[in-house]
C-alpha atoms as a PDB file:
ATOM      1  CA  UNK A   1       0.000   0.000   0.000  1.00  0.00           C
ATOM      2  CA  UNK A   2       1.573   3.256  -1.154  1.00  0.00           C
ATOM      3  CA  UNK A   3      -0.136   6.487  -0.136  1.00  0.00           C
ATOM      4  CA  UNK A   4       0.805  10.129   0.230  1.00  0.00           C
ATOM      5  CA  UNK A   5       0.042  11.720   3.614  1.00  0.00           C
ATOM      6  CA  UNK A   6      -0.033  15.472   4.200  1.00  0.00           C
ATOM      7  CA  UNK A   7      -1.025  17.576   7.185  1.00  0.00           C
ATOM      8  CA  UNK A   8      -2.923  20.838   6.585  1.00  0.00           C
ATOM      9  CA  UNK A   9      -3.654  23.259   9.424  1.00  0.00           C
ATOM     10  CA  UNK A  10      -6.625  25.593   9.610  1.00  0.00           C
ATOM     11  CA  UNK A  11      -7.817  28.372  11.883  1.00  0.00           C
ATOM     12  CA  UNK A  12     -11.429  28.713  10.762  1.00  0.00           C
ATOM     13  CA  UNK A  13     -14.416  27.115  12.492  1.00  0.00           C
ATOM     14  CA  UNK A  14     -14.461  23.309  12.085  1.00  0.00           C
ATOM     15  CA  UNK A  15     -18.019  23.237  10.698  1.00  0.00           C
ATOM     16  CA  UNK A  16     -17.217  25.864   8.088  1.00  0.00           C
ATOM     17  CA  UNK A  17     -14.010  24.104   7.023  1.00  0.00           C
ATOM     18  CA  UNK A  18     -15.724  20.714   6.755  1.00  0.00           C
ATOM     19  CA  UNK A  19     -18.612  22.170   4.753  1.00  0.00           C
ATOM     20  CA  UNK A  20     -16.316  24.016   2.330  1.00  0.00           C
ATOM     21  CA  UNK A  21     -14.211  20.909   1.742  1.00  0.00           C
ATOM     22  CA  UNK A  22     -17.295  18.747   1.140  1.00  0.00           C
ATOM     23  CA  UNK A  23     -18.558  21.276  -1.419  1.00  0.00           C
ATOM     24  CA  UNK A  24     -15.157  21.307  -3.130  1.00  0.00           C
ATOM     25  CA  UNK A  25     -14.995  17.503  -3.267  1.00  0.00           C
ATOM     26  CA  UNK A  26     -18.501  17.213  -4.708  1.00  0.00           C
ATOM     27  CA  UNK A  27     -17.853  19.983  -7.249  1.00  0.00           C
ATOM     28  CA  UNK A  28     -14.796  18.044  -8.440  1.00  0.00           C
ATOM     29  CA  UNK A  29     -16.803  14.855  -9.021  1.00  0.00           C
ATOM     30  CA  UNK A  30     -15.861  12.964  -5.836  1.00  0.00           C
ATOM     31  CA  UNK A  31     -18.306  10.985  -3.710  1.00  0.00           C
ATOM     32  CA  UNK A  32     -18.013   9.396  -0.288  1.00  0.00           C
ATOM     33  CA  UNK A  33     -17.624   5.641  -0.268  1.00  0.00           C
ATOM     34  CA  UNK A  34     -16.538   2.884   2.094  1.00  0.00           C
ATOM     35  CA  UNK A  35     -13.641   0.706   1.021  1.00  0.00           C
ATOM     36  CA  UNK A  36     -13.488  -3.010   1.798  1.00  0.00           C
ATOM     37  CA  UNK A  37     -10.939  -2.087   4.487  1.00  0.00           C
ATOM     38  CA  UNK A  38     -13.677  -0.126   6.287  1.00  0.00           C
ATOM     39  CA  UNK A  39     -12.110   3.227   5.440  1.00  0.00           C
ATOM     40  CA  UNK A  40     -14.468   6.073   4.520  1.00  0.00           C
ATOM     41  CA  UNK A  41     -12.902   7.956   1.597  1.00  0.00           C
ATOM     42  CA  UNK A  42     -13.695  10.378  -1.188  1.00  0.00           C
ATOM     43  CA  UNK A  43     -13.437   8.639  -4.567  1.00  0.00           C
ATOM     44  CA  UNK A  44     -13.571   9.685  -8.192  1.00  0.00           C
ATOM     45  CA  UNK A  45     -13.366   7.418 -11.231  1.00  0.00           C
ATOM     46  CA  UNK A  46     -14.212   3.800 -11.907  1.00  0.00           C
ATOM     47  CA  UNK A  47     -10.994   2.409 -13.327  1.00  0.00           C
ATOM     48  CA  UNK A  48     -12.540   1.783 -16.738  1.00  0.00           C
ATOM     49  CA  UNK A  49     -13.201   5.141 -18.362  1.00  0.00           C
ATOM     50  CA  UNK A  50     -11.081   7.066 -15.863  1.00  0.00           C
ATOM     51  CA  UNK A  51      -8.494   6.347 -13.190  1.00  0.00           C
ATOM     52  CA  UNK A  52      -9.574   5.942  -9.583  1.00  0.00           C
ATOM     53  CA  UNK A  53      -8.557   8.796  -7.305  1.00  0.00           C
ATOM     54  CA  UNK A  54      -8.882   8.631  -3.533  1.00  0.00           C
ATOM     55  CA  UNK A  55      -8.659  11.108  -0.669  1.00  0.00           C
ATOM     56  CA  UNK A  56      -9.136  10.190   2.955  1.00  0.00           C
ATOM     57  CA  UNK A  57      -9.691  13.199   5.207  1.00  0.00           C
ATOM     58  CA  UNK A  58      -9.192  12.909   8.949  1.00  0.00           C
ATOM     59  CA  UNK A  59     -10.127  16.016  10.911  1.00  0.00           C
ATOM     60  CA  UNK A  60      -8.221  16.826  14.062  1.00  0.00           C
ATOM     61  CA  UNK A  61      -8.108  19.869  16.240  1.00  0.00           C
ATOM     62  CA  UNK A  62      -7.087  22.666  13.857  1.00  0.00           C
ATOM     63  CA  UNK A  63      -5.612  20.249  11.301  1.00  0.00           C
ATOM     64  CA  UNK A  64      -6.622  17.826   8.588  1.00  0.00           C
ATOM     65  CA  UNK A  65      -4.657  14.738   7.663  1.00  0.00           C
ATOM     66  CA  UNK A  66      -5.054  14.140   3.940  1.00  0.00           C
ATOM     67  CA  UNK A  67      -4.167  10.661   2.728  1.00  0.00           C
ATOM     68  CA  UNK A  68      -4.222  10.512  -1.063  1.00  0.00           C
ATOM     69  CA  UNK A  69      -3.523   7.942  -3.748  1.00  0.00           C
ATOM     70  CA  UNK A  70      -4.581   6.750  -7.153  1.00  0.00           C
ATOM     71  CA  UNK A  71      -5.360   3.169  -7.966  1.00  0.00           C
ATOM     72  CA  UNK A  72      -4.773   0.945 -10.908  1.00  0.00           C
ATOM     73  CA  UNK A  73      -7.640  -1.515 -11.281  1.00  0.00           C
ATOM     74  CA  UNK A  74     -11.158  -2.077 -12.520  1.00  0.00           C
ATOM     75  CA  UNK A  75     -14.277  -1.257 -10.549  1.00  0.00           C
ATOM     76  CA  UNK A  76     -13.940  -2.422  -6.941  1.00  0.00           C
ATOM     77  CA  UNK A  77     -10.945  -4.604  -7.777  1.00  0.00           C
ATOM     78  CA  UNK A  78      -7.879  -2.609  -6.786  1.00  0.00           C
ATOM     79  CA  UNK A  79      -4.705  -3.950  -8.292  1.00  0.00           C
ATOM     80  CA  UNK A  80      -2.230  -1.402  -7.044  1.00  0.00           C
ATOM     81  CA  UNK A  81      -2.245   1.784  -4.976  1.00  0.00           C
ATOM     82  CA  UNK A  82       0.084   4.489  -6.229  1.00  0.00           C
ATOM     83  CA  UNK A  83       1.310   7.386  -4.098  1.00  0.00           C
ATOM     84  CA  UNK A  84       1.307  10.831  -5.643  1.00  0.00           C
ATOM     85  CA  UNK A  85       5.065  10.736  -6.151  1.00  0.00           C
ATOM     86  CA  UNK A  86       5.077   7.514  -8.183  1.00  0.00           C
ATOM     87  CA  UNK A  87       5.500   7.211 -11.929  1.00  0.00           C
ATOM     88  CA  UNK A  88       2.259   5.432 -12.859  1.00  0.00           C
ATOM     89  CA  UNK A  89      -0.997   7.278 -13.661  1.00  0.00           C
ATOM     90  CA  UNK A  90       0.592  10.745 -14.023  1.00  0.00           C
ATOM     91  CA  UNK A  91      -2.605  12.534 -15.078  1.00  0.00           C
ATOM     92  CA  UNK A  92      -4.572  11.230 -12.094  1.00  0.00           C
ATOM     93  CA  UNK A  93      -1.719  11.964  -9.674  1.00  0.00           C
ATOM     94  CA  UNK A  94      -1.482  15.545 -10.917  1.00  0.00           C
ATOM     95  CA  UNK A  95      -5.256  16.039 -10.597  1.00  0.00           C
ATOM     96  CA  UNK A  96      -5.189  14.860  -6.974  1.00  0.00           C
ATOM     97  CA  UNK A  97      -2.241  17.168  -6.198  1.00  0.00           C
ATOM     98  CA  UNK A  98      -4.208  20.095  -7.652  1.00  0.00           C
ATOM     99  CA  UNK A  99      -7.212  19.174  -5.495  1.00  0.00           C
ATOM    100  CA  UNK A 100      -5.061  19.086  -2.346  1.00  0.00           C
ATOM    101  CA  UNK A 101      -3.783  22.577  -3.245  1.00  0.00           C
ATOM    102  CA  UNK A 102      -7.398  23.723  -3.656  1.00  0.00           C
ATOM    103  CA  UNK A 103      -8.213  22.348  -0.194  1.00  0.00           C
ATOM    104  CA  UNK A 104      -5.318  24.375   1.230  1.00  0.00           C
ATOM    105  CA  UNK A 105      -6.628  27.555  -0.426  1.00  0.00           C
ATOM    106  CA  UNK A 106     -10.202  26.988   0.735  1.00  0.00           C
ATOM    107  CA  UNK A 107      -9.330  26.604   4.408  1.00  0.00           C
ATOM    108  CA  UNK A 108      -6.691  29.318   4.803  1.00  0.00           C
END
């Protein structure tokens, strides 16, 4: 399992930050889903017509832990998780990096 983990701090009200991030995720085509591992993540793509992109957001006191990765596979069958610094799936990796930057801008 290869994932990228980043910590983002915020000073705004938790409810406002959470709401703004949820709006951003939805506007970018992501939806909440539960993985077979029991993790609740934001996902975009199905692995057939587009790559699968994942973001797991864990809210702490004044910070968010963002765990992000793309996956090579079809449907619910994940063949390989790729961190954002890998060499596979460059278009999907770049799109997730851009989204993380957008999250930073929204909450600061």
